């Protein structure tokens, strides 16, 4: 029984990782051309997920995209995903992205200062 639940847990983690990777790959592809119509299709597919899963997927997408391509992160989240959102929601997400970027830059500068 215990092994079964561990296997199920690992399977769910693996499937979640694949889902996040698929979303990131789709965003990266559409980001090359910034094709709004295709980007909105990706957004709509993400929104079909249960709310809790949407939140988790977007959290991972933000964390990964900020590292990979901050401009693409801003474009997809603010201009595409939150296209119809109230300005306050967009501002909250923009602030979160900026804080993550600042933290990343701070970590990189500290790494350089320590002989990195």
PDB file of N, CA and C in Angstrom:
ATOM      1  N   UNK A   1       0.822  -1.187   0.000  1.00  0.00           N
ATOM      2  CA  UNK A   1       0.000   0.000   0.000  1.00  0.00           C
ATOM      3  C   UNK A   1       0.868   1.253   0.000  1.00  0.00           C
ATOM      4  N   UNK A   2       1.885   1.255   0.879  1.00  0.00           N
ATOM      5  CA  UNK A   2       2.772   2.416   0.975  1.00  0.00           C
ATOM      6  C   UNK A   2       3.536   2.627  -0.334  1.00  0.00           C
ATOM      7  N   UNK A   3       4.028   1.535  -0.907  1.00  0.00           N
ATOM      8  CA  UNK A   3       4.750   1.627  -2.174  1.00  0.00           C
ATOM      9  C   UNK A   3       3.854   2.166  -3.280  1.00  0.00           C
ATOM     10  N   UNK A   4       2.587   1.739  -3.259  1.00  0.00           N
ATOM     11  CA  UNK A   4       1.642   2.210  -4.267  1.00  0.00           C
ATOM     12  C   UNK A   4       1.445   3.716  -4.191  1.00  0.00           C
ATOM     13  N   UNK A   5       1.287   4.239  -2.978  1.00  0.00           N
ATOM     14  CA  UNK A   5       1.068   5.681  -2.839  1.00  0.00           C
ATOM     15  C   UNK A   5       2.337   6.452  -3.200  1.00  0.00           C
ATOM     16  N   UNK A   6       3.500   5.891  -2.898  1.00  0.00           N
ATOM     17  CA  UNK A   6       4.756   6.537  -3.303  1.00  0.00           C
ATOM     18  C   UNK A   6       4.879   6.563  -4.817  1.00  0.00           C
ATOM     19  N   UNK A   7       4.509   5.454  -5.453  1.00  0.00           N
ATOM     20  CA  UNK A   7       4.555   5.402  -6.915  1.00  0.00           C
ATOM     21  C   UNK A   7       3.573   6.394  -7.522  1.00  0.00           C
ATOM     22  N   UNK A   8       2.366   6.476  -6.942  1.00  0.00           N
ATOM     23  CA  UNK A   8       1.377   7.437  -7.432  1.00  0.00           C
ATOM     24  C   UNK A   8       1.885   8.864  -7.262  1.00  0.00           C
ATOM     25  N   UNK A   9       2.480   9.124  -6.119  1.00  0.00           N
ATOM     26  CA  UNK A   9       3.009  10.462  -5.849  1.00  0.00           C
ATOM     27  C   UNK A   9       4.106  10.818  -6.847  1.00  0.00           C
ATOM     28  N   UNK A  10       5.001   9.892  -7.089  1.00  0.00           N
ATOM     29  CA  UNK A  10       6.087  10.141  -8.041  1.00  0.00           C
ATOM     30  C   UNK A  10       5.542  10.307  -9.451  1.00  0.00           C
ATOM     31  N   UNK A  11       4.540   9.511  -9.796  1.00  0.00           N
ATOM     32  CA  UNK A  11       3.930   9.602 -11.122  1.00  0.00           C
ATOM     33  C   UNK A  11       3.286  10.975 -11.307  1.00  0.00           C
ATOM     34  N   UNK A  12       2.593  11.460 -10.272  1.00  0.00           N
ATOM     35  CA  UNK A  12       1.972  12.778 -10.353  1.00  0.00           C
ATOM     36  C   UNK A  12       3.018  13.880 -10.484  1.00  0.00           C
ATOM     37  N   UNK A  13       4.117  13.754  -9.753  1.00  0.00           N
ATOM     38  CA  UNK A  13       5.200  14.745  -9.863  1.00  0.00           C
ATOM     39  C   UNK A  13       5.778  14.749 -11.268  1.00  0.00           C
ATOM     40  N   UNK A  14       5.978  13.557 -11.812  1.00  0.00           N
ATOM     41  CA  UNK A  14       6.523  13.444 -13.167  1.00  0.00           C
ATOM     42  C   UNK A  14       5.567  14.047 -14.197  1.00  0.00           C
ATOM     43  N   UNK A  15       4.285  13.754 -14.047  1.00  0.00           N
ATOM     44  CA  UNK A  15       3.297  14.296 -14.986  1.00  0.00           C
ATOM     45  C   UNK A  15       3.210  15.810 -14.863  1.00  0.00           C
ATOM     46  N   UNK A  16       3.286  16.326 -13.650  1.00  0.00           N
ATOM     47  CA  UNK A  16       3.268  17.775 -13.452  1.00  0.00           C
ATOM     48  C   UNK A  16       4.492  18.414 -14.109  1.00  0.00           C
ATOM     49  N   UNK A  17       5.649  17.800 -13.934  1.00  0.00           N
ATOM     50  CA  UNK A  17       6.877  18.320 -14.559  1.00  0.00           C
ATOM     51  C   UNK A  17       6.750  18.337 -16.070  1.00  0.00           C
ATOM     52  N   UNK A  18       6.183  17.275 -16.636  1.00  0.00           N
ATOM     53  CA  UNK A  18       5.987  17.225 -18.091  1.00  0.00           C
ATOM     54  C   UNK A  18       5.001  18.296 -18.545  1.00  0.00           C
ATOM     55  N   UNK A  19       3.953  18.522 -17.761  1.00  0.00           N
ATOM     56  CA  UNK A  19       2.985  19.562 -18.089  1.00  0.00           C
ATOM     57  C   UNK A  19       3.656  20.934 -18.106  1.00  0.00           C
ATOM     58  N   UNK A  20       4.434  21.238 -17.089  1.00  0.00           N
ATOM     59  CA  UNK A  20       5.133  22.522 -17.021  1.00  0.00           C
ATOM     60  C   UNK A  20       6.097  22.655 -18.194  1.00  0.00           C
ATOM     61  N   UNK A  21       6.837  21.605 -18.494  1.00  0.00           N
ATOM     62  CA  UNK A  21       7.759  21.637 -19.639  1.00  0.00           C
ATOM     63  C   UNK A  21       7.023  21.892 -20.948  1.00  0.00           C
ATOM     64  N   UNK A  22       5.882  21.240 -21.114  1.00  0.00           N
ATOM     65  CA  UNK A  22       5.096  21.428 -22.336  1.00  0.00           C
ATOM     66  C   UNK A  22       4.610  22.867 -22.457  1.00  0.00           C
ATOM     67  N   UNK A  23       4.144  23.423 -21.347  1.00  0.00           N
ATOM     68  CA  UNK A  23       3.678  24.810 -21.355  1.00  0.00           C
ATOM     69  C   UNK A  23       4.838  25.748 -21.678  1.00  0.00           C
ATOM     70  N   UNK A  24       5.984  25.519 -21.038  1.00  0.00           N
ATOM     71  CA  UNK A  24       7.155  26.360 -21.304  1.00  0.00           C
ATOM     72  C   UNK A  24       7.587  26.275 -22.763  1.00  0.00           C
ATOM     73  N   UNK A  25       7.598  25.072 -23.312  1.00  0.00           N
ATOM     74  CA  UNK A  25       7.977  24.899 -24.717  1.00  0.00           C
ATOM     75  C   UNK A  25       7.003  25.615 -25.644  1.00  0.00           C
ATOM     76  N   UNK A  26       5.717  25.507 -25.346  1.00  0.00           N
ATOM     77  CA  UNK A  26       4.713  26.183 -26.172  1.00  0.00           C
ATOM     78  C   UNK A  26       4.882  27.699 -26.096  1.00  0.00           C
ATOM     79  N   UNK A  27       5.122  28.209 -24.889  1.00  0.00           N
ATOM     80  CA  UNK A  27       5.310  29.654 -24.723  1.00  0.00           C
ATOM     81  C   UNK A  27       6.575  30.102 -25.454  1.00  0.00           C
ATOM     82  N   UNK A  28       7.639  29.329 -25.350  1.00  0.00           N
ATOM     83  CA  UNK A  28       8.888  29.689 -26.035  1.00  0.00           C
ATOM     84  C   UNK A  28       8.685  29.728 -27.543  1.00  0.00           C
ATOM     85  N   UNK A  29       7.949  28.757 -28.082  1.00  0.00           N
ATOM     86  CA  UNK A  29       7.701  28.734 -29.523  1.00  0.00           C
ATOM     87  C   UNK A  29       6.888  29.944 -29.968  1.00  0.00           C
ATOM     88  N   UNK A  30       5.808  30.225 -29.246  1.00  0.00           N
ATOM     89  CA  UNK A  30       4.956  31.343 -29.634  1.00  0.00           C
ATOM     90  C   UNK A  30       5.655  32.672 -29.357  1.00  0.00           C
ATOM     91  N   UNK A  31       6.553  32.678 -28.401  1.00  0.00           N
ATOM     92  CA  UNK A  31       7.288  33.897 -28.080  1.00  0.00           C
ATOM     93  C   UNK A  31       8.234  34.335 -29.176  1.00  0.00           C
ATOM     94  N   UNK A  32       8.674  33.400 -30.003  1.00  0.00           N
ATOM     95  CA  UNK A  32       9.583  33.743 -31.107  1.00  0.00           C
ATOM     96  C   UNK A  32       8.933  34.702 -32.085  1.00  0.00           C
ATOM     97  N   UNK A  33       7.634  34.527 -32.287  1.00  0.00           N
ATOM     98  CA  UNK A  33       6.907  35.386 -33.230  1.00  0.00           C
ATOM     99  C   UNK A  33       5.943  36.330 -32.532  1.00  0.00           C
ATOM    100  N   UNK A  34       5.734  36.102 -31.239  1.00  0.00           N
ATOM    101  CA  UNK A  34       4.741  36.834 -30.443  1.00  0.00           C
ATOM    102  C   UNK A  34       3.389  36.837 -31.144  1.00  0.00           C
ATOM    103  N   UNK A  35       3.030  35.660 -31.647  1.00  0.00           N
ATOM    104  CA  UNK A  35       1.748  35.451 -32.313  1.00  0.00           C
ATOM    105  C   UNK A  35       0.661  35.442 -31.239  1.00  0.00           C
ATOM    106  N   UNK A  36      -0.050  36.555 -31.127  1.00  0.00           N
ATOM    107  CA  UNK A  36      -1.028  36.722 -30.064  1.00  0.00           C
ATOM    108  C   UNK A  36      -2.135  35.680 -30.134  1.00  0.00           C
ATOM    109  N   UNK A  37      -2.589  35.355 -31.327  1.00  0.00           N
ATOM    110  CA  UNK A  37      -3.666  34.376 -31.466  1.00  0.00           C
ATOM    111  C   UNK A  37      -3.256  33.014 -30.913  1.00  0.00           C
ATOM    112  N   UNK A  38      -2.064  32.560 -31.272  1.00  0.00           N
ATOM    113  CA  UNK A  38      -1.576  31.275 -30.748  1.00  0.00           C
ATOM    114  C   UNK A  38      -1.325  31.358 -29.243  1.00  0.00           C
ATOM    115  N   UNK A  39      -0.818  32.494 -28.782  1.00  0.00           N
ATOM    116  CA  UNK A  39      -0.564  32.666 -27.358  1.00  0.00           C
ATOM    117  C   UNK A  39      -1.870  32.602 -26.563  1.00  0.00           C
ATOM    118  N   UNK A  40      -2.910  33.202 -27.110  1.00  0.00           N
ATOM    119  CA  UNK A  40      -4.207  33.150 -26.441  1.00  0.00           C
ATOM    120  C   UNK A  40      -4.765  31.733 -26.412  1.00  0.00           C
ATOM    121  N   UNK A  41      -4.451  30.948 -27.425  1.00  0.00           N
ATOM    122  CA  UNK A  41      -4.865  29.542 -27.424  1.00  0.00           C
ATOM    123  C   UNK A  41      -4.166  28.785 -26.286  1.00  0.00           C
ATOM    124  N   UNK A  42      -2.892  29.069 -26.090  1.00  0.00           N
ATOM    125  CA  UNK A  42      -2.153  28.442 -24.986  1.00  0.00           C
ATOM    126  C   UNK A  42      -2.777  28.860 -23.657  1.00  0.00           C
ATOM    127  N   UNK A  43      -3.047  30.152 -23.521  1.00  0.00           N
ATOM    128  CA  UNK A  43      -3.691  30.649 -22.300  1.00  0.00           C
ATOM    129  C   UNK A  43      -5.004  29.915 -22.045  1.00  0.00           C
ATOM    130  N   UNK A  44      -5.811  29.782 -23.080  1.00  0.00           N
ATOM    131  CA  UNK A  44      -7.110  29.132 -22.927  1.00  0.00           C
ATOM    132  C   UNK A  44      -6.966  27.668 -22.513  1.00  0.00           C
ATOM    133  N   UNK A  45      -5.953  27.001 -23.050  1.00  0.00           N
ATOM    134  CA  UNK A  45      -5.710  25.609 -22.658  1.00  0.00           C
ATOM    135  C   UNK A  45      -5.280  25.524 -21.192  1.00  0.00           C
ATOM    136  N   UNK A  46      -4.441  26.433 -20.756  1.00  0.00           N
ATOM    137  CA  UNK A  46      -4.026  26.445 -19.350  1.00  0.00           C
ATOM    138  C   UNK A  46      -5.235  26.672 -18.458  1.00  0.00           C
ATOM    139  N   UNK A  47      -6.104  27.569 -18.853  1.00  0.00           N
ATOM    140  CA  UNK A  47      -7.290  27.893 -18.044  1.00  0.00           C
ATOM    141  C   UNK A  47      -8.289  26.749 -17.959  1.00  0.00           C
ATOM    142  N   UNK A  48      -8.150  25.748 -18.808  1.00  0.00           N
ATOM    143  CA  UNK A  48      -9.032  24.581 -18.738  1.00  0.00           C
ATOM    144  C   UNK A  48      -8.675  23.676 -17.570  1.00  0.00           C
ATOM    145  N   UNK A  49      -7.480  23.850 -17.027  1.00  0.00           N
ATOM    146  CA  UNK A  49      -7.052  23.046 -15.879  1.00  0.00           C
ATOM    147  C   UNK A  49      -7.819  23.473 -14.631  1.00  0.00           C
ATOM    148  N   UNK A  50      -7.879  22.597 -13.623  1.00  0.00           N
ATOM    149  CA  UNK A  50      -8.473  23.016 -12.347  1.00  0.00           C
ATOM    150  C   UNK A  50      -7.707  24.219 -11.780  1.00  0.00           C
ATOM    151  N   UNK A  51      -8.409  25.101 -11.074  1.00  0.00           N
ATOM    152  CA  UNK A  51      -7.819  26.347 -10.585  1.00  0.00           C
ATOM    153  C   UNK A  51      -6.522  26.142  -9.813  1.00  0.00           C
ATOM    154  N   UNK A  52      -6.494  25.161  -8.912  1.00  0.00           N
ATOM    155  CA  UNK A  52      -5.280  24.912  -8.127  1.00  0.00           C
ATOM    156  C   UNK A  52      -4.106  24.544  -9.023  1.00  0.00           C
ATOM    157  N   UNK A  53      -4.386  23.762 -10.050  1.00  0.00           N
ATOM    158  CA  UNK A  53      -3.331  23.352 -10.971  1.00  0.00           C
ATOM    159  C   UNK A  53      -2.875  24.531 -11.830  1.00  0.00           C
ATOM    160  N   UNK A  54      -3.798  25.383 -12.244  1.00  0.00           N
ATOM    161  CA  UNK A  54      -3.434  26.584 -13.001  1.00  0.00           C
ATOM    162  C   UNK A  54      -2.442  27.405 -12.189  1.00  0.00           C
ATOM    163  N   UNK A  55      -2.746  27.598 -10.910  1.00  0.00           N
ATOM    164  CA  UNK A  55      -1.870  28.380 -10.038  1.00  0.00           C
ATOM    165  C   UNK A  55      -0.485  27.760  -9.949  1.00  0.00           C
ATOM    166  N   UNK A  56      -0.426  26.461  -9.738  1.00  0.00           N
ATOM    167  CA  UNK A  56       0.867  25.778  -9.619  1.00  0.00           C
ATOM    168  C   UNK A  56       1.652  25.829 -10.927  1.00  0.00           C
ATOM    169  N   UNK A  57       0.976  25.616 -12.035  1.00  0.00           N
ATOM    170  CA  UNK A  57       1.649  25.663 -13.339  1.00  0.00           C
ATOM    171  C   UNK A  57       2.188  27.069 -13.585  1.00  0.00           C
ATOM    172  N   UNK A  58       1.364  28.086 -13.341  1.00  0.00           N
ATOM    173  CA  UNK A  58       1.814  29.460 -13.573  1.00  0.00           C
ATOM    174  C   UNK A  58       2.969  29.835 -12.647  1.00  0.00           C
ATOM    175  N   UNK A  59       2.936  29.374 -11.406  1.00  0.00           N
ATOM    176  CA  UNK A  59       4.057  29.646 -10.501  1.00  0.00           C
ATOM    177  C   UNK A  59       5.354  29.082 -11.061  1.00  0.00           C
ATOM    178  N   UNK A  60       5.303  27.859 -11.545  1.00  0.00           N
ATOM    179  CA  UNK A  60       6.499  27.238 -12.114  1.00  0.00           C
ATOM    180  C   UNK A  60       6.925  27.935 -13.406  1.00  0.00           C
ATOM    181  N   UNK A  61       5.950  28.303 -14.229  1.00  0.00           N
ATOM    182  CA  UNK A  61       6.250  29.011 -15.480  1.00  0.00           C
ATOM    183  C   UNK A  61       6.943  30.333 -15.172  1.00  0.00           C
ATOM    184  N   UNK A  62       6.416  31.076 -14.202  1.00  0.00           N
ATOM    185  CA  UNK A  62       7.032  32.357 -13.839  1.00  0.00           C
ATOM    186  C   UNK A  62       8.462  32.142 -13.369  1.00  0.00           C
ATOM    187  N   UNK A  63       8.649  31.209 -12.453  1.00  0.00           N
ATOM    188  CA  UNK A  63       9.994  30.966 -11.915  1.00  0.00           C
ATOM    189  C   UNK A  63      10.985  30.579 -13.004  1.00  0.00           C
ATOM    190  N   UNK A  64      10.553  29.739 -13.915  1.00  0.00           N
ATOM    191  CA  UNK A  64      11.457  29.263 -14.962  1.00  0.00           C
ATOM    192  C   UNK A  64      11.667  30.318 -16.048  1.00  0.00           C
ATOM    193  N   UNK A  65      10.583  31.003 -16.454  1.00  0.00           N
ATOM    194  CA  UNK A  65      10.716  31.994 -17.522  1.00  0.00           C
ATOM    195  C   UNK A  65      11.518  33.212 -17.085  1.00  0.00           C
ATOM    196  N   UNK A  66      11.405  33.598 -15.826  1.00  0.00           N
ATOM    197  CA  UNK A  66      12.198  34.733 -15.340  1.00  0.00           C
ATOM    198  C   UNK A  66      13.680  34.436 -15.516  1.00  0.00           C
ATOM    199  N   UNK A  67      14.067  33.191 -15.288  1.00  0.00           N
ATOM    200  CA  UNK A  67      15.468  32.798 -15.466  1.00  0.00           C
ATOM    201  C   UNK A  67      15.852  32.722 -16.940  1.00  0.00           C
ATOM    202  N   UNK A  68      14.959  32.177 -17.752  1.00  0.00           N
ATOM    203  CA  UNK A  68      15.256  31.942 -19.162  1.00  0.00           C
ATOM    204  C   UNK A  68      15.159  33.209 -20.004  1.00  0.00           C
ATOM    205  N   UNK A  69      14.038  33.934 -19.822  1.00  0.00           N
ATOM    206  CA  UNK A  69      13.760  35.069 -20.695  1.00  0.00           C
ATOM    207  C   UNK A  69      12.750  35.991 -20.007  1.00  0.00           C
ATOM    208  N   UNK A  70      13.236  36.946 -19.227  1.00  0.00           N
ATOM    209  CA  UNK A  70      12.327  37.832 -18.486  1.00  0.00           C
ATOM    210  C   UNK A  70      11.335  38.590 -19.378  1.00  0.00           C
ATOM    211  N   UNK A  71      11.766  39.006 -20.566  1.00  0.00           N
ATOM    212  CA  UNK A  71      10.863  39.726 -21.456  1.00  0.00           C
ATOM    213  C   UNK A  71       9.720  38.832 -21.933  1.00  0.00           C
ATOM    214  N   UNK A  72      10.041  37.588 -22.251  1.00  0.00           N
ATOM    215  CA  UNK A  72       9.014  36.633 -22.657  1.00  0.00           C
ATOM    216  C   UNK A  72       8.073  36.363 -21.488  1.00  0.00           C
ATOM    217  N   UNK A  73       8.600  36.277 -20.285  1.00  0.00           N
ATOM    218  CA  UNK A  73       7.798  36.074 -19.093  1.00  0.00           C
ATOM    219  C   UNK A  73       6.783  37.207 -18.939  1.00  0.00           C
ATOM    220  N   UNK A  74       7.271  38.423 -19.028  1.00  0.00           N
ATOM    221  CA  UNK A  74       6.376  39.589 -18.907  1.00  0.00           C
ATOM    222  C   UNK A  74       5.316  39.594 -20.009  1.00  0.00           C
ATOM    223  N   UNK A  75       5.763  39.357 -21.246  1.00  0.00           N
ATOM    224  CA  UNK A  75       4.835  39.387 -22.369  1.00  0.00           C
ATOM    225  C   UNK A  75       3.735  38.351 -22.188  1.00  0.00           C
ATOM    226  N   UNK A  76       4.123  37.097 -21.918  1.00  0.00           N
ATOM    227  CA  UNK A  76       3.098  36.060 -21.839  1.00  0.00           C
ATOM    228  C   UNK A  76       2.171  36.280 -20.653  1.00  0.00           C
ATOM    229  N   UNK A  77       2.727  36.583 -19.506  1.00  0.00           N
ATOM    230  CA  UNK A  77       1.874  36.711 -18.324  1.00  0.00           C
ATOM    231  C   UNK A  77       1.043  37.985 -18.321  1.00  0.00           C
ATOM    232  N   UNK A  78       1.669  39.097 -18.624  1.00  0.00           N
ATOM    233  CA  UNK A  78       0.947  40.369 -18.522  1.00  0.00           C
ATOM    234  C   UNK A  78       0.103  40.678 -19.757  1.00  0.00           C
ATOM    235  N   UNK A  79       0.680  40.479 -20.933  1.00  0.00           N
ATOM    236  CA  UNK A  79      -0.020  40.858 -22.161  1.00  0.00           C
ATOM    237  C   UNK A  79      -0.938  39.768 -22.707  1.00  0.00           C
ATOM    238  N   UNK A  80      -0.632  38.520 -22.356  1.00  0.00           N
ATOM    239  CA  UNK A  80      -1.443  37.413 -22.879  1.00  0.00           C
ATOM    240  C   UNK A  80      -2.327  36.831 -21.780  1.00  0.00           C
ATOM    241  N   UNK A  81      -1.711  36.228 -20.768  1.00  0.00           N
ATOM    242  CA  UNK A  81      -2.508  35.513 -19.778  1.00  0.00           C
ATOM    243  C   UNK A  81      -3.444  36.449 -19.016  1.00  0.00           C
ATOM    244  N   UNK A  82      -2.950  37.608 -18.645  1.00  0.00           N
ATOM    245  CA  UNK A  82      -3.762  38.552 -17.881  1.00  0.00           C
ATOM    246  C   UNK A  82      -4.356  39.651 -18.763  1.00  0.00           C
ATOM    247  N   UNK A  83      -4.486  39.360 -20.024  1.00  0.00           N
ATOM    248  CA  UNK A  83      -4.971  40.330 -21.013  1.00  0.00           C
ATOM    249  C   UNK A  83      -6.259  41.022 -20.569  1.00  0.00           C
ATOM    250  N   UNK A  84      -7.188  40.260 -20.022  1.00  0.00           N
ATOM    251  CA  UNK A  84      -8.494  40.800 -19.649  1.00  0.00           C
ATOM    252  C   UNK A  84      -8.602  41.079 -18.147  1.00  0.00           C
ATOM    253  N   UNK A  85      -7.495  40.993 -17.448  1.00  0.00           N
ATOM    254  CA  UNK A  85      -7.518  41.168 -15.993  1.00  0.00           C
ATOM    255  C   UNK A  85      -7.579  42.653 -15.617  1.00  0.00           C
ATOM    256  N   UNK A  86      -7.991  42.884 -14.392  1.00  0.00           N
ATOM    257  CA  UNK A  86      -8.011  44.259 -13.887  1.00  0.00           C
ATOM    258  C   UNK A  86      -6.570  44.747 -13.726  1.00  0.00           C
ATOM    259  N   UNK A  87      -6.345  46.047 -13.849  1.00  0.00           N
ATOM    260  CA  UNK A  87      -4.980  46.586 -13.759  1.00  0.00           C
ATOM    261  C   UNK A  87      -4.248  46.199 -12.466  1.00  0.00           C
ATOM    262  N   UNK A  88      -4.982  46.087 -11.366  1.00  0.00           N
ATOM    263  CA  UNK A  88      -4.344  45.731 -10.098  1.00  0.00           C
ATOM    264  C   UNK A  88      -3.733  44.337 -10.152  1.00  0.00           C
ATOM    265  N   UNK A  89      -4.422  43.418 -10.802  1.00  0.00           N
ATOM    266  CA  UNK A  89      -3.896  42.052 -10.926  1.00  0.00           C
ATOM    267  C   UNK A  89      -2.626  42.048 -11.766  1.00  0.00           C
ATOM    268  N   UNK A  90      -2.642  42.797 -12.862  1.00  0.00           N
ATOM    269  CA  UNK A  90      -1.452  42.896 -13.696  1.00  0.00           C
ATOM    270  C   UNK A  90      -0.297  43.518 -12.917  1.00  0.00           C
ATOM    271  N   UNK A  91      -0.596  44.542 -12.140  1.00  0.00           N
ATOM    272  CA  UNK A  91       0.444  45.216 -11.350  1.00  0.00           C
ATOM    273  C   UNK A  91       1.040  44.262 -10.317  1.00  0.00           C
ATOM    274  N   UNK A  92       0.205  43.441  -9.694  1.00  0.00           N
ATOM    275  CA  UNK A  92       0.702  42.478  -8.709  1.00  0.00           C
ATOM    276  C   UNK A  92       1.660  41.477  -9.349  1.00  0.00           C
ATOM    277  N   UNK A  93       1.281  40.965 -10.517  1.00  0.00           N
ATOM    278  CA  UNK A  93       2.137  39.994 -11.207  1.00  0.00           C
ATOM    279  C   UNK A  93       3.416  40.669 -11.695  1.00  0.00           C
ATOM    280  N   UNK A  94       3.302  41.881 -12.223  1.00  0.00           N
ATOM    281  CA  UNK A  94       4.491  42.613 -12.677  1.00  0.00           C
ATOM    282  C   UNK A  94       5.448  42.836 -11.508  1.00  0.00           C
ATOM    283  N   UNK A  95       4.896  43.174 -10.342  1.00  0.00           N
ATOM    284  CA  UNK A  95       5.742  43.372  -9.166  1.00  0.00           C
ATOM    285  C   UNK A  95       6.421  42.072  -8.762  1.00  0.00           C
ATOM    286  N   UNK A  96       5.689  40.987  -8.830  1.00  0.00           N
ATOM    287  CA  UNK A  96       6.284  39.687  -8.480  1.00  0.00           C
ATOM    288  C   UNK A  96       7.432  39.343  -9.433  1.00  0.00           C
ATOM    289  N   UNK A  97       7.229  39.571 -10.713  1.00  0.00           N
ATOM    290  CA  UNK A  97       8.280  39.308 -11.698  1.00  0.00           C
ATOM    291  C   UNK A  97       9.494  40.190 -11.405  1.00  0.00           C
ATOM    292  N   UNK A  98       9.256  41.466 -11.123  1.00  0.00           N
ATOM    293  CA  UNK A  98      10.358  42.384 -10.818  1.00  0.00           C
ATOM    294  C   UNK A  98      11.111  41.962  -9.559  1.00  0.00           C
ATOM    295  N   UNK A  99      10.391  41.506  -8.543  1.00  0.00           N
ATOM    296  CA  UNK A  99      11.045  41.036  -7.316  1.00  0.00           C
ATOM    297  C   UNK A  99      11.893  39.789  -7.581  1.00  0.00           C
ATOM    298  N   UNK A 100      11.361  38.880  -8.389  1.00  0.00           N
ATOM    299  CA  UNK A 100      12.134  37.683  -8.735  1.00  0.00           C
ATOM    300  C   UNK A 100      13.391  38.052  -9.511  1.00  0.00           C
ATOM    301  N   UNK A 101      13.255  39.000 -10.440  1.00  0.00           N
ATOM    302  CA  UNK A 101      14.420  39.449 -11.214  1.00  0.00           C
ATOM    303  C   UNK A 101      15.459  40.111 -10.311  1.00  0.00           C
ATOM    304  N   UNK A 102      14.992  40.956  -9.408  1.00  0.00           N
ATOM    305  CA  UNK A 102      15.908  41.630  -8.485  1.00  0.00           C
ATOM    306  C   UNK A 102      16.622  40.615  -7.609  1.00  0.00           C
ATOM    307  N   UNK A 103      15.896  39.621  -7.135  1.00  0.00           N
ATOM    308  CA  UNK A 103      16.492  38.577  -6.307  1.00  0.00           C
ATOM    309  C   UNK A 103      17.528  37.788  -7.100  1.00  0.00           C
ATOM    310  N   UNK A 104      17.192  37.481  -8.337  1.00  0.00           N
ATOM    311  CA  UNK A 104      18.120  36.750  -9.203  1.00  0.00           C
ATOM    312  C   UNK A 104      19.382  37.562  -9.454  1.00  0.00           C
ATOM    313  N   UNK A 105      19.227  38.853  -9.751  1.00  0.00           N
ATOM    314  CA  UNK A 105      20.386  39.716  -9.995  1.00  0.00           C
ATOM    315  C   UNK A 105      21.232  39.854  -8.732  1.00  0.00           C
ATOM    316  N   UNK A 106      20.572  39.934  -7.588  1.00  0.00           N
ATOM    317  CA  UNK A 106      21.275  40.024  -6.314  1.00  0.00           C
ATOM    318  C   UNK A 106      22.089  38.753  -6.064  1.00  0.00           C
ATOM    319  N   UNK A 107      21.498  37.611  -6.315  1.00  0.00           N
ATOM    320  CA  UNK A 107      22.203  36.337  -6.138  1.00  0.00           C
ATOM    321  C   UNK A 107      23.402  36.249  -7.078  1.00  0.00           C
ATOM    322  N   UNK A 108      23.215  36.696  -8.318  1.00  0.00           N
ATOM    323  CA  UNK A 108      24.315  36.655  -9.283  1.00  0.00           C
ATOM    324  C   UNK A 108      25.436  37.591  -8.884  1.00  0.00           C
ATOM    325  N   UNK A 109      25.096  38.783  -8.400  1.00  0.00           N
ATOM    326  CA  UNK A 109      26.145  39.729  -8.007  1.00  0.00           C
ATOM    327  C   UNK A 109      26.862  39.234  -6.761  1.00  0.00           C
ATOM    328  N   UNK A 110      26.157  38.596  -5.847  1.00  0.00           N
ATOM    329  CA  UNK A 110      26.808  38.037  -4.660  1.00  0.00           C
ATOM    330  C   UNK A 110      27.727  36.884  -5.058  1.00  0.00           C
ATOM    331  N   UNK A 111      27.282  36.098  -6.032  1.00  0.00           N
ATOM    332  CA  UNK A 111      28.109  34.995  -6.524  1.00  0.00           C
ATOM    333  C   UNK A 111      29.384  35.509  -7.152  1.00  0.00           C
ATOM    334  N   UNK A 112      29.305  36.636  -7.869  1.00  0.00           N
ATOM    335  CA  UNK A 112      30.505  37.222  -8.477  1.00  0.00           C
ATOM    336  C   UNK A 112      31.431  37.796  -7.419  1.00  0.00           C
ATOM    337  N   UNK A 113      30.836  38.360  -6.379  1.00  0.00           N
ATOM    338  CA  UNK A 113      31.635  38.936  -5.314  1.00  0.00           C
ATOM    339  C   UNK A 113      32.369  37.917  -4.482  1.00  0.00           C
ATOM    340  N   UNK A 114      31.902  36.656  -4.546  1.00  0.00           N
ATOM    341  CA  UNK A 114      32.531  35.596  -3.776  1.00  0.00           C
ATOM    342  C   UNK A 114      33.470  34.761  -4.650  1.00  0.00           C
ATOM    343  N   UNK A 115      34.020  35.397  -5.655  1.00  0.00           N
ATOM    344  CA  UNK A 115      34.975  34.686  -6.514  1.00  0.00           C
ATOM    345  C   UNK A 115      34.294  33.875  -7.580  1.00  0.00           C
ATOM    346  N   UNK A 116      32.953  34.127  -7.836  1.00  0.00           N
ATOM    347  CA  UNK A 116      32.195  33.341  -8.804  1.00  0.00           C
ATOM    348  C   UNK A 116      32.235  33.877 -10.112  1.00  0.00           C
TER     349      UNK A 116
END
